[in-house]
Amino acid sequence: MSWLSLLLALLKMAQSLFDYVERNKLLDAGGARAIQEQMEELNGRVKKALAARDAVARDADAGKLHDDDGYRKD
């Protein structure tokens, strides 16, 4: 085995190691991006639910709502 073939083998091993590391970094980044998008969607849903709750509380007339717990006689 000559020095040149040994050097080429070492370079190929280093290249494959760098490719492996880069691929794992890209997969991790893709997973983080997917989680971020899901969290943003969930945040939008929570904001919408809070706005709906506030709208109901704002629009409700306390005099017209009955607190019917089953035990009231009036």
PDB file of N, CA and C in Angstrom:
ATOM      1  N   MET A   1       0.856  -1.177   0.000  1.00  0.00           N
ATOM      2  CA  MET A   1       0.000   0.000   0.000  1.00  0.00           C
ATOM      3  C   MET A   1       0.899   1.236   0.000  1.00  0.00           C
ATOM      4  N   SER A   2       0.667   2.083  -0.933  1.00  0.00           N
ATOM      5  CA  SER A   2       1.502   3.275  -1.043  1.00  0.00           C
ATOM      6  C   SER A   2       0.942   4.397  -0.167  1.00  0.00           C
ATOM      7  N   TRP A   3       1.738   5.408   0.004  1.00  0.00           N
ATOM      8  CA  TRP A   3       1.326   6.550   0.819  1.00  0.00           C
ATOM      9  C   TRP A   3       0.116   7.257   0.217  1.00  0.00           C
ATOM     10  N   LEU A   4       0.104   7.288  -1.075  1.00  0.00           N
ATOM     11  CA  LEU A   4      -0.994   7.970  -1.747  1.00  0.00           C
ATOM     12  C   LEU A   4      -2.325   7.261  -1.507  1.00  0.00           C
ATOM     13  N   SER A   5      -2.330   5.946  -1.596  1.00  0.00           N
ATOM     14  CA  SER A   5      -3.575   5.212  -1.356  1.00  0.00           C
ATOM     15  C   SER A   5      -3.995   5.305   0.106  1.00  0.00           C
ATOM     16  N   LEU A   6      -3.031   5.314   1.024  1.00  0.00           N
ATOM     17  CA  LEU A   6      -3.343   5.475   2.442  1.00  0.00           C
ATOM     18  C   LEU A   6      -3.928   6.858   2.717  1.00  0.00           C
ATOM     19  N   LEU A   7      -3.339   7.864   2.100  1.00  0.00           N
ATOM     20  CA  LEU A   7      -3.834   9.227   2.258  1.00  0.00           C
ATOM     21  C   LEU A   7      -5.242   9.367   1.680  1.00  0.00           C
ATOM     22  N   LEU A   8      -5.494   8.766   0.534  1.00  0.00           N
ATOM     23  CA  LEU A   8      -6.827   8.805  -0.063  1.00  0.00           C
ATOM     24  C   LEU A   8      -7.856   8.092   0.814  1.00  0.00           C
ATOM     25  N   ALA A   9      -7.466   6.977   1.395  1.00  0.00           N
ATOM     26  CA  ALA A   9      -8.372   6.243   2.284  1.00  0.00           C
ATOM     27  C   ALA A   9      -8.714   7.080   3.516  1.00  0.00           C
ATOM     28  N   LEU A  10      -7.720   7.752   4.073  1.00  0.00           N
ATOM     29  CA  LEU A  10      -7.967   8.618   5.237  1.00  0.00           C
ATOM     30  C   LEU A  10      -8.871   9.790   4.877  1.00  0.00           C
ATOM     31  N   LEU A  11      -8.667  10.368   3.703  1.00  0.00           N
ATOM     32  CA  LEU A  11      -9.508  11.478   3.267  1.00  0.00           C
ATOM     33  C   LEU A  11     -10.949  11.025   3.038  1.00  0.00           C
ATOM     34  N   LYS A  12     -11.133   9.836   2.484  1.00  0.00           N
ATOM     35  CA  LYS A  12     -12.480   9.312   2.279  1.00  0.00           C
ATOM     36  C   LYS A  12     -13.176   9.056   3.616  1.00  0.00           C
ATOM     37  N   MET A  13     -12.430   8.539   4.587  1.00  0.00           N
ATOM     38  CA  MET A  13     -13.006   8.308   5.916  1.00  0.00           C
ATOM     39  C   MET A  13     -13.401   9.632   6.570  1.00  0.00           C
ATOM     40  N   ALA A  14     -12.545  10.639   6.444  1.00  0.00           N
ATOM     41  CA  ALA A  14     -12.846  11.949   7.017  1.00  0.00           C
ATOM     42  C   ALA A  14     -14.069  12.555   6.338  1.00  0.00           C
ATOM     43  N   GLN A  15     -14.154  12.414   5.016  1.00  0.00           N
ATOM     44  CA  GLN A  15     -15.295  12.954   4.271  1.00  0.00           C
ATOM     45  C   GLN A  15     -16.588  12.271   4.696  1.00  0.00           C
ATOM     46  N   SER A  16     -16.540  10.950   4.860  1.00  0.00           N
ATOM     47  CA  SER A  16     -17.752  10.246   5.280  1.00  0.00           C
ATOM     48  C   SER A  16     -18.148  10.643   6.707  1.00  0.00           C
ATOM     49  N   LEU A  17     -17.164  10.887   7.572  1.00  0.00           N
ATOM     50  CA  LEU A  17     -17.473  11.343   8.929  1.00  0.00           C
ATOM     51  C   LEU A  17     -18.115  12.727   8.904  1.00  0.00           C
ATOM     52  N   PHE A  18     -17.583  13.628   8.103  1.00  0.00           N
ATOM     53  CA  PHE A  18     -18.161  14.972   7.986  1.00  0.00           C
ATOM     54  C   PHE A  18     -19.566  14.919   7.391  1.00  0.00           C
ATOM     55  N   ASP A  19     -19.776  14.056   6.414  1.00  0.00           N
ATOM     56  CA  ASP A  19     -21.119  13.900   5.840  1.00  0.00           C
ATOM     57  C   ASP A  19     -22.109  13.402   6.879  1.00  0.00           C
ATOM     58  N   TYR A  20     -21.682  12.449   7.693  1.00  0.00           N
ATOM     59  CA  TYR A  20     -22.540  11.915   8.749  1.00  0.00           C
ATOM     60  C   TYR A  20     -22.919  13.004   9.754  1.00  0.00           C
ATOM     61  N   VAL A  21     -21.951  13.784  10.176  1.00  0.00           N
ATOM     62  CA  VAL A  21     -22.209  14.860  11.143  1.00  0.00           C
ATOM     63  C   VAL A  21     -23.131  15.912  10.542  1.00  0.00           C
ATOM     64  N   GLU A  22     -22.894  16.281   9.298  1.00  0.00           N
ATOM     65  CA  GLU A  22     -23.723  17.287   8.638  1.00  0.00           C
ATOM     66  C   GLU A  22     -25.164  16.788   8.483  1.00  0.00           C
ATOM     67  N   ARG A  23     -25.322  15.520   8.114  1.00  0.00           N
ATOM     68  CA  ARG A  23     -26.658  14.939   7.956  1.00  0.00           C
ATOM     69  C   ARG A  23     -27.408  14.960   9.297  1.00  0.00           C
ATOM     70  N   ASN A  24     -26.720  14.627  10.377  1.00  0.00           N
ATOM     71  CA  ASN A  24     -27.373  14.654  11.689  1.00  0.00           C
ATOM     72  C   ASN A  24     -27.753  16.069  12.101  1.00  0.00           C
ATOM     73  N   LYS A  25     -26.918  17.036  11.787  1.00  0.00           N
ATOM     74  CA  LYS A  25     -27.246  18.426  12.095  1.00  0.00           C
ATOM     75  C   LYS A  25     -28.479  18.882  11.328  1.00  0.00           C
ATOM     76  N   LEU A  26     -28.563  18.490  10.065  1.00  0.00           N
ATOM     77  CA  LEU A  26     -29.723  18.866   9.252  1.00  0.00           C
ATOM     78  C   LEU A  26     -30.996  18.209   9.771  1.00  0.00           C
ATOM     79  N   LEU A  27     -30.905  16.958  10.184  1.00  0.00           N
ATOM     80  CA  LEU A  27     -32.075  16.273  10.743  1.00  0.00           C
ATOM     81  C   LEU A  27     -32.529  16.935  12.045  1.00  0.00           C
ATOM     82  N   ASP A  28     -31.576  17.299  12.891  1.00  0.00           N
ATOM     83  CA  ASP A  28     -31.921  17.982  14.144  1.00  0.00           C
ATOM     84  C   ASP A  28     -32.557  19.332  13.882  1.00  0.00           C
ATOM     85  N   ALA A  29     -32.013  20.056  12.908  1.00  0.00           N
ATOM     86  CA  ALA A  29     -32.573  21.370  12.573  1.00  0.00           C
ATOM     87  C   ALA A  29     -33.978  21.224  12.014  1.00  0.00           C
ATOM     88  N   GLY A  30     -34.205  20.214  11.202  1.00  0.00           N
ATOM     89  CA  GLY A  30     -35.545  19.976  10.655  1.00  0.00           C
ATOM     90  C   GLY A  30     -36.534  19.632  11.744  1.00  0.00           C
ATOM     91  N   GLY A  31     -36.111  18.835  12.715  1.00  0.00           N
ATOM     92  CA  GLY A  31     -36.982  18.496  13.840  1.00  0.00           C
ATOM     93  C   GLY A  31     -37.307  19.715  14.686  1.00  0.00           C
ATOM     94  N   ALA A  32     -36.317  20.558  14.909  1.00  0.00           N
ATOM     95  CA  ALA A  32     -36.552  21.776  15.689  1.00  0.00           C
ATOM     96  C   ALA A  32     -37.503  22.711  14.951  1.00  0.00           C
ATOM     97  N   ARG A  33     -37.373  22.785  13.648  1.00  0.00           N
ATOM     98  CA  ARG A  33     -38.266  23.644  12.865  1.00  0.00           C
ATOM     99  C   ARG A  33     -39.701  23.126  12.911  1.00  0.00           C
ATOM    100  N   ALA A  34     -39.864  21.811  12.839  1.00  0.00           N
ATOM    101  CA  ALA A  34     -41.206  21.216  12.910  1.00  0.00           C
ATOM    102  C   ALA A  34     -41.838  21.490  14.273  1.00  0.00           C
ATOM    103  N   ILE A  35     -41.057  21.376  15.334  1.00  0.00           N
ATOM    104  CA  ILE A  35     -41.569  21.653  16.674  1.00  0.00           C
ATOM    105  C   ILE A  35     -41.950  23.121  16.796  1.00  0.00           C
ATOM    106  N   GLN A  36     -41.140  24.003  16.241  1.00  0.00           N
ATOM    107  CA  GLN A  36     -41.442  25.431  16.285  1.00  0.00           C
ATOM    108  C   GLN A  36     -42.749  25.740  15.568  1.00  0.00           C
ATOM    109  N   GLU A  37     -42.954  25.133  14.399  1.00  0.00           N
ATOM    110  CA  GLU A  37     -44.187  25.369  13.647  1.00  0.00           C
ATOM    111  C   GLU A  37     -45.403  24.849  14.418  1.00  0.00           C
ATOM    112  N   GLN A  38     -45.268  23.695  15.062  1.00  0.00           N
ATOM    113  CA  GLN A  38     -46.370  23.153  15.851  1.00  0.00           C
ATOM    114  C   GLN A  38     -46.687  24.051  17.043  1.00  0.00           C
ATOM    115  N   MET A  39     -45.660  24.564  17.683  1.00  0.00           N
ATOM    116  CA  MET A  39     -45.872  25.446  18.830  1.00  0.00           C
ATOM    117  C   MET A  39     -46.529  26.757  18.398  1.00  0.00           C
ATOM    118  N   GLU A  40     -46.153  27.280  17.242  1.00  0.00           N
ATOM    119  CA  GLU A  40     -46.782  28.503  16.746  1.00  0.00           C
ATOM    120  C   GLU A  40     -48.252  28.259  16.420  1.00  0.00           C
ATOM    121  N   GLU A  41     -48.569  27.095  15.846  1.00  0.00           N
ATOM    122  CA  GLU A  41     -49.965  26.769  15.551  1.00  0.00           C
ATOM    123  C   GLU A  41     -50.762  26.625  16.849  1.00  0.00           C
ATOM    124  N   LEU A  42     -50.177  25.966  17.823  1.00  0.00           N
ATOM    125  CA  LEU A  42     -50.847  25.807  19.117  1.00  0.00           C
ATOM    126  C   LEU A  42     -51.053  27.153  19.792  1.00  0.00           C
ATOM    127  N   ASN A  43     -50.070  28.027  19.701  1.00  0.00           N
ATOM    128  CA  ASN A  43     -50.190  29.366  20.279  1.00  0.00           C
ATOM    129  C   ASN A  43     -51.334  30.133  19.619  1.00  0.00           C
ATOM    130  N   GLY A  44     -51.475  30.003  18.307  1.00  0.00           N
ATOM    131  CA  GLY A  44     -52.590  30.651  17.604  1.00  0.00           C
ATOM    132  C   GLY A  44     -53.934  30.115  18.059  1.00  0.00           C
ATOM    133  N   ARG A  45     -54.020  28.801  18.272  1.00  0.00           N
ATOM    134  CA  ARG A  45     -55.272  28.214  18.749  1.00  0.00           C
ATOM    135  C   ARG A  45     -55.616  28.696  20.155  1.00  0.00           C
ATOM    136  N   VAL A  46     -54.604  28.795  21.003  1.00  0.00           N
ATOM    137  CA  VAL A  46     -54.834  29.270  22.373  1.00  0.00           C
ATOM    138  C   VAL A  46     -55.301  30.722  22.355  1.00  0.00           C
ATOM    139  N   LYS A  47     -54.674  31.546  21.533  1.00  0.00           N
ATOM    140  CA  LYS A  47     -55.095  32.947  21.435  1.00  0.00           C
ATOM    141  C   LYS A  47     -56.531  33.052  20.938  1.00  0.00           C
ATOM    142  N   LYS A  48     -56.897  32.222  19.968  1.00  0.00           N
ATOM    143  CA  LYS A  48     -58.261  32.235  19.443  1.00  0.00           C
ATOM    144  C   LYS A  48     -59.256  31.803  20.532  1.00  0.00           C
ATOM    145  N   ALA A  49     -58.900  30.782  21.303  1.00  0.00           N
ATOM    146  CA  ALA A  49     -59.786  30.323  22.372  1.00  0.00           C
ATOM    147  C   ALA A  49     -59.928  31.374  23.464  1.00  0.00           C
ATOM    148  N   LEU A  50     -58.847  32.038  23.798  1.00  0.00           N
ATOM    149  CA  LEU A  50     -58.918  33.097  24.807  1.00  0.00           C
ATOM    150  C   LEU A  50     -59.767  34.263  24.326  1.00  0.00           C
ATOM    151  N   ALA A  51     -59.638  34.607  23.044  1.00  0.00           N
ATOM    152  CA  ALA A  51     -60.456  35.693  22.496  1.00  0.00           C
ATOM    153  C   ALA A  51     -61.927  35.318  22.512  1.00  0.00           C
ATOM    154  N   ALA A  52     -62.236  34.052  22.194  1.00  0.00           N
ATOM    155  CA  ALA A  52     -63.628  33.604  22.228  1.00  0.00           C
ATOM    156  C   ALA A  52     -64.173  33.629  23.653  1.00  0.00           C
ATOM    157  N   ARG A  53     -63.358  33.212  24.605  1.00  0.00           N
ATOM    158  CA  ARG A  53     -63.794  33.240  26.001  1.00  0.00           C
ATOM    159  C   ARG A  53     -64.046  34.669  26.461  1.00  0.00           C
ATOM    160  N   ASP A  54     -63.155  35.574  26.100  1.00  0.00           N
ATOM    161  CA  ASP A  54     -63.334  36.975  26.480  1.00  0.00           C
ATOM    162  C   ASP A  54     -64.568  37.575  25.808  1.00  0.00           C
ATOM    163  N   ALA A  55     -64.830  37.191  24.562  1.00  0.00           N
ATOM    164  CA  ALA A  55     -66.008  37.704  23.855  1.00  0.00           C
ATOM    165  C   ALA A  55     -67.288  37.224  24.531  1.00  0.00           C
ATOM    166  N   VAL A  56     -67.321  35.980  24.943  1.00  0.00           N
ATOM    167  CA  VAL A  56     -68.503  35.465  25.629  1.00  0.00           C
ATOM    168  C   VAL A  56     -68.697  36.180  26.955  1.00  0.00           C
ATOM    169  N   ALA A  57     -67.629  36.376  27.695  1.00  0.00           N
ATOM    170  CA  ALA A  57     -67.737  37.066  28.977  1.00  0.00           C
ATOM    171  C   ALA A  57     -68.158  38.521  28.788  1.00  0.00           C
ATOM    172  N   ARG A  58     -67.683  39.153  27.743  1.00  0.00           N
ATOM    173  CA  ARG A  58     -68.005  40.547  27.474  1.00  0.00           C
ATOM    174  C   ARG A  58     -69.455  40.700  27.006  1.00  0.00           C
ATOM    175  N   ASP A  59     -69.913  39.773  26.171  1.00  0.00           N
ATOM    176  CA  ASP A  59     -71.250  39.888  25.591  1.00  0.00           C
ATOM    177  C   ASP A  59     -72.349  39.336  26.484  1.00  0.00           C
ATOM    178  N   ALA A  60     -71.981  38.581  27.485  1.00  0.00           N
ATOM    179  CA  ALA A  60     -72.995  37.966  28.341  1.00  0.00           C
ATOM    180  C   ALA A  60     -73.622  39.016  29.252  1.00  0.00           C
ATOM    181  N   ASP A  61     -74.947  38.963  29.344  1.00  0.00           N
ATOM    182  CA  ASP A  61     -75.663  39.844  30.253  1.00  0.00           C
ATOM    183  C   ASP A  61     -75.935  39.046  31.522  1.00  0.00           C
ATOM    184  N   ALA A  62     -75.357  39.487  32.622  1.00  0.00           N
ATOM    185  CA  ALA A  62     -75.456  38.720  33.861  1.00  0.00           C
ATOM    186  C   ALA A  62     -76.894  38.584  34.346  1.00  0.00           C
ATOM    187  N   GLY A  63     -77.754  39.509  33.998  1.00  0.00           N
ATOM    188  CA  GLY A  63     -79.142  39.428  34.426  1.00  0.00           C
ATOM    189  C   GLY A  63     -79.929  38.361  33.692  1.00  0.00           C
ATOM    190  N   LYS A  64     -79.493  37.978  32.509  1.00  0.00           N
ATOM    191  CA  LYS A  64     -80.202  36.989  31.726  1.00  0.00           C
ATOM    192  C   LYS A  64     -79.671  35.572  31.938  1.00  0.00           C
ATOM    193  N   LEU A  65     -78.493  35.451  32.479  1.00  0.00           N
ATOM    194  CA  LEU A  65     -77.922  34.129  32.689  1.00  0.00           C
ATOM    195  C   LEU A  65     -78.401  33.563  34.015  1.00  0.00           C
ATOM    196  N   HIS A  66     -78.710  32.305  34.027  1.00  0.00           N
ATOM    197  CA  HIS A  66     -79.158  31.650  35.246  1.00  0.00           C
ATOM    198  C   HIS A  66     -78.089  30.683  35.708  1.00  0.00           C
ATOM    199  N   ASP A  67     -77.889  30.692  36.983  1.00  0.00           N
ATOM    200  CA  ASP A  67     -76.952  29.756  37.572  1.00  0.00           C
ATOM    201  C   ASP A  67     -77.769  28.553  38.025  1.00  0.00           C
ATOM    202  N   ASP A  68     -77.974  27.635  37.124  1.00  0.00           N
ATOM    203  CA  ASP A  68     -78.834  26.479  37.411  1.00  0.00           C
ATOM    204  C   ASP A  68     -77.952  25.334  37.896  1.00  0.00           C
ATOM    205  N   ASP A  69     -77.908  25.198  39.187  1.00  0.00           N
ATOM    206  CA  ASP A  69     -77.112  24.105  39.735  1.00  0.00           C
ATOM    207  C   ASP A  69     -77.974  22.922  40.190  1.00  0.00           C
ATOM    208  N   GLY A  70     -79.271  22.988  39.955  1.00  0.00           N
ATOM    209  CA  GLY A  70     -80.150  21.900  40.319  1.00  0.00           C
ATOM    210  C   GLY A  70     -80.742  22.011  41.699  1.00  0.00           C
ATOM    211  N   TYR A  71     -80.240  22.904  42.514  1.00  0.00           N
ATOM    212  CA  TYR A  71     -80.718  23.050  43.879  1.00  0.00           C
ATOM    213  C   TYR A  71     -81.453  24.356  44.110  1.00  0.00           C
ATOM    214  N   ARG A  72     -81.422  25.254  43.130  1.00  0.00           N
ATOM    215  CA  ARG A  72     -82.077  26.544  43.295  1.00  0.00           C
ATOM    216  C   ARG A  72     -83.585  26.381  43.149  1.00  0.00           C
ATOM    217  N   LYS A  73     -84.324  27.108  43.951  1.00  0.00           N
ATOM    218  CA  LYS A  73     -85.804  27.014  43.920  1.00  0.00           C
ATOM    219  C   LYS A  73     -86.459  28.258  43.352  1.00  0.00           C
ATOM    220  N   ASP A  74     -85.719  29.282  42.990  1.00  0.00           N
ATOM    221  CA  ASP A  74     -86.329  30.509  42.492  1.00  0.00           C
ATOM    222  C   ASP A  74     -86.458  30.591  41.028  1.00  0.00           C
TER     223      ASP A  74
END
